[in-house]
Amino acid sequence: MNACFGNDFMTTISVEVKKGIRWINLFYMWNEILHVLQ
């Protein structure tokens, strides 16, 4: 595995992780909103 590929791979993983964190945050936010509305 060359360095260039390794960097691309790590960048892709970090972007996906950030997307995942954003979705989890949205999900929790919705749960809070629905809780308040009930």
PDB file of N, CA and C in Angstrom:
ATOM      1  N   MET A   1       0.860  -1.196   0.000  1.00  0.00           N
ATOM      2  CA  MET A   1       0.000   0.000   0.000  1.00  0.00           C
ATOM      3  C   MET A   1       0.891   1.240   0.000  1.00  0.00           C
ATOM      4  N   ASN A   2       0.800   2.061  -1.038  1.00  0.00           N
ATOM      5  CA  ASN A   2       1.660   3.245  -1.072  1.00  0.00           C
ATOM      6  C   ASN A   2       1.074   4.385  -0.245  1.00  0.00           C
ATOM      7  N   ALA A   3       1.897   5.377   0.061  1.00  0.00           N
ATOM      8  CA  ALA A   3       1.507   6.466   0.965  1.00  0.00           C
ATOM      9  C   ALA A   3       0.314   7.245   0.426  1.00  0.00           C
ATOM     10  N   CYS A   4       0.302   7.478  -0.883  1.00  0.00           N
ATOM     11  CA  CYS A   4      -0.774   8.264  -1.490  1.00  0.00           C
ATOM     12  C   CYS A   4      -2.117   7.574  -1.274  1.00  0.00           C
ATOM     13  N   PHE A   5      -2.148   6.270  -1.544  1.00  0.00           N
ATOM     14  CA  PHE A   5      -3.380   5.511  -1.361  1.00  0.00           C
ATOM     15  C   PHE A   5      -3.793   5.519   0.105  1.00  0.00           C
ATOM     16  N   GLY A   6      -2.819   5.376   0.995  1.00  0.00           N
ATOM     17  CA  GLY A   6      -3.102   5.386   2.427  1.00  0.00           C
ATOM     18  C   GLY A   6      -3.753   6.689   2.858  1.00  0.00           C
ATOM     19  N   ASN A   7      -3.237   7.813   2.361  1.00  0.00           N
ATOM     20  CA  ASN A   7      -3.806   9.115   2.708  1.00  0.00           C
ATOM     21  C   ASN A   7      -5.236   9.247   2.201  1.00  0.00           C
ATOM     22  N   ASP A   8      -5.469   8.839   0.943  1.00  0.00           N
ATOM     23  CA  ASP A   8      -6.821   8.898   0.388  1.00  0.00           C
ATOM     24  C   ASP A   8      -7.768   8.052   1.221  1.00  0.00           C
ATOM     25  N   PHE A   9      -7.290   6.869   1.594  1.00  0.00           N
ATOM     26  CA  PHE A   9      -8.104   5.928   2.366  1.00  0.00           C
ATOM     27  C   PHE A   9      -8.485   6.531   3.713  1.00  0.00           C
ATOM     28  N   MET A  10      -7.514   7.108   4.405  1.00  0.00           N
ATOM     29  CA  MET A  10      -7.777   7.709   5.713  1.00  0.00           C
ATOM     30  C   MET A  10      -8.702   8.918   5.592  1.00  0.00           C
ATOM     31  N   THR A  11      -8.531   9.704   4.539  1.00  0.00           N
ATOM     32  CA  THR A  11      -9.397  10.866   4.319  1.00  0.00           C
ATOM     33  C   THR A  11     -10.830  10.406   4.115  1.00  0.00           C
ATOM     34  N   THR A  12     -11.005   9.369   3.291  1.00  0.00           N
ATOM     35  CA  THR A  12     -12.341   8.831   3.028  1.00  0.00           C
ATOM     36  C   THR A  12     -12.976   8.345   4.321  1.00  0.00           C
ATOM     37  N   ILE A  13     -12.218   7.616   5.129  1.00  0.00           N
ATOM     38  CA  ILE A  13     -12.746   7.102   6.397  1.00  0.00           C
ATOM     39  C   ILE A  13     -13.151   8.253   7.309  1.00  0.00           C
ATOM     40  N   SER A  14     -12.301   9.273   7.437  1.00  0.00           N
ATOM     41  CA  SER A  14     -12.630  10.383   8.344  1.00  0.00           C
ATOM     42  C   SER A  14     -13.865  11.134   7.867  1.00  0.00           C
ATOM     43  N   VAL A  15     -14.027  11.280   6.540  1.00  0.00           N
ATOM     44  CA  VAL A  15     -15.219  11.945   6.004  1.00  0.00           C
ATOM     45  C   VAL A  15     -16.458  11.124   6.331  1.00  0.00           C
ATOM     46  N   GLU A  16     -16.378   9.805   6.146  1.00  0.00           N
ATOM     47  CA  GLU A  16     -17.518   8.933   6.442  1.00  0.00           C
ATOM     48  C   GLU A  16     -17.864   8.970   7.924  1.00  0.00           C
ATOM     49  N   VAL A  17     -16.849   8.987   8.776  1.00  0.00           N
ATOM     50  CA  VAL A  17     -17.079   9.042  10.223  1.00  0.00           C
ATOM     51  C   VAL A  17     -17.783  10.342  10.593  1.00  0.00           C
ATOM     52  N   LYS A  18     -17.335  11.451  10.005  1.00  0.00           N
ATOM     53  CA  LYS A  18     -17.979  12.740  10.287  1.00  0.00           C
ATOM     54  C   LYS A  18     -19.427  12.729   9.834  1.00  0.00           C
ATOM     55  N   LYS A  19     -19.697  12.128   8.657  1.00  0.00           N
ATOM     56  CA  LYS A  19     -21.078  12.014   8.172  1.00  0.00           C
ATOM     57  C   LYS A  19     -21.898  11.204   9.159  1.00  0.00           C
ATOM     58  N   GLY A  20     -21.328  10.104   9.626  1.00  0.00           N
ATOM     59  CA  GLY A  20     -22.023   9.243  10.575  1.00  0.00           C
ATOM     60  C   GLY A  20     -22.353   9.987  11.857  1.00  0.00           C
ATOM     61  N   ILE A  21     -21.385  10.755  12.370  1.00  0.00           N
ATOM     62  CA  ILE A  21     -21.607  11.529  13.596  1.00  0.00           C
ATOM     63  C   ILE A  21     -22.726  12.535  13.378  1.00  0.00           C
ATOM     64  N   ARG A  22     -22.741  13.172  12.189  1.00  0.00           N
ATOM     65  CA  ARG A  22     -23.784  14.157  11.900  1.00  0.00           C
ATOM     66  C   ARG A  22     -25.154  13.489  11.896  1.00  0.00           C
ATOM     67  N   TRP A  23     -25.261  12.307  11.281  1.00  0.00           N
ATOM     68  CA  TRP A  23     -26.543  11.592  11.248  1.00  0.00           C
ATOM     69  C   TRP A  23     -26.987  11.199  12.652  1.00  0.00           C
ATOM     70  N   ILE A  24     -26.039  10.738  13.473  1.00  0.00           N
ATOM     71  CA  ILE A  24     -26.375  10.355  14.850  1.00  0.00           C
ATOM     72  C   ILE A  24     -26.877  11.579  15.619  1.00  0.00           C
ATOM     73  N   ASN A  25     -26.207  12.727  15.441  1.00  0.00           N
ATOM     74  CA  ASN A  25     -26.640  13.959  16.104  1.00  0.00           C
ATOM     75  C   ASN A  25     -28.040  14.351  15.668  1.00  0.00           C
ATOM     76  N   LEU A  26     -28.325  14.258  14.354  1.00  0.00           N
ATOM     77  CA  LEU A  26     -29.662  14.574  13.842  1.00  0.00           C
ATOM     78  C   LEU A  26     -30.698  13.660  14.474  1.00  0.00           C
ATOM     79  N   PHE A  27     -30.358  12.376  14.550  1.00  0.00           N
ATOM     80  CA  PHE A  27     -31.269  11.385  15.112  1.00  0.00           C
ATOM     81  C   PHE A  27     -31.610  11.714  16.566  1.00  0.00           C
ATOM     82  N   TYR A  28     -30.576  12.036  17.354  1.00  0.00           N
ATOM     83  CA  TYR A  28     -30.818  12.393  18.755  1.00  0.00           C
ATOM     84  C   TYR A  28     -31.626  13.679  18.875  1.00  0.00           C
ATOM     85  N   MET A  29     -31.345  14.637  17.993  1.00  0.00           N
ATOM     86  CA  MET A  29     -32.083  15.896  18.002  1.00  0.00           C
ATOM     87  C   MET A  29     -33.567  15.635  17.749  1.00  0.00           C
ATOM     88  N   TRP A  30     -33.871  14.793  16.750  1.00  0.00           N
ATOM     89  CA  TRP A  30     -35.263  14.446  16.458  1.00  0.00           C
ATOM     90  C   TRP A  30     -35.922  13.788  17.658  1.00  0.00           C
ATOM     91  N   ASN A  31     -35.205  12.879  18.317  1.00  0.00           N
ATOM     92  CA  ASN A  31     -35.750  12.229  19.511  1.00  0.00           C
ATOM     93  C   ASN A  31     -36.122  13.255  20.572  1.00  0.00           C
ATOM     94  N   GLU A  32     -35.240  14.234  20.787  1.00  0.00           N
ATOM     95  CA  GLU A  32     -35.507  15.284  21.772  1.00  0.00           C
ATOM     96  C   GLU A  32     -36.739  16.090  21.383  1.00  0.00           C
ATOM     97  N   ILE A  33     -36.829  16.481  20.103  1.00  0.00           N
ATOM     98  CA  ILE A  33     -37.967  17.279  19.628  1.00  0.00           C
ATOM     99  C   ILE A  33     -39.266  16.503  19.803  1.00  0.00           C
ATOM    100  N   LEU A  34     -39.263  15.239  19.400  1.00  0.00           N
ATOM    101  CA  LEU A  34     -40.475  14.423  19.512  1.00  0.00           C
ATOM    102  C   LEU A  34     -40.877  14.258  20.976  1.00  0.00           C
ATOM    103  N   HIS A  35     -39.887  14.122  21.844  1.00  0.00           N
ATOM    104  CA  HIS A  35     -40.149  13.995  23.282  1.00  0.00           C
ATOM    105  C   HIS A  35     -40.860  15.234  23.811  1.00  0.00           C
ATOM    106  N   VAL A  36     -40.371  16.396  23.400  1.00  0.00           N
ATOM    107  CA  VAL A  36     -40.941  17.668  23.849  1.00  0.00           C
ATOM    108  C   VAL A  36     -42.371  17.823  23.326  1.00  0.00           C
ATOM    109  N   LEU A  37     -42.606  17.406  22.079  1.00  0.00           N
ATOM    110  CA  LEU A  37     -43.924  17.576  21.470  1.00  0.00           C
ATOM    111  C   LEU A  37     -44.991  16.675  22.087  1.00  0.00           C
ATOM    112  N   GLN A  38     -44.584  15.523  22.602  1.00  0.00           N
ATOM    113  CA  GLN A  38     -45.577  14.577  23.125  1.00  0.00           C
ATOM    114  C   GLN A  38     -46.236  15.060  24.408  1.00  0.00           C
TER     115      GLN A  38
END
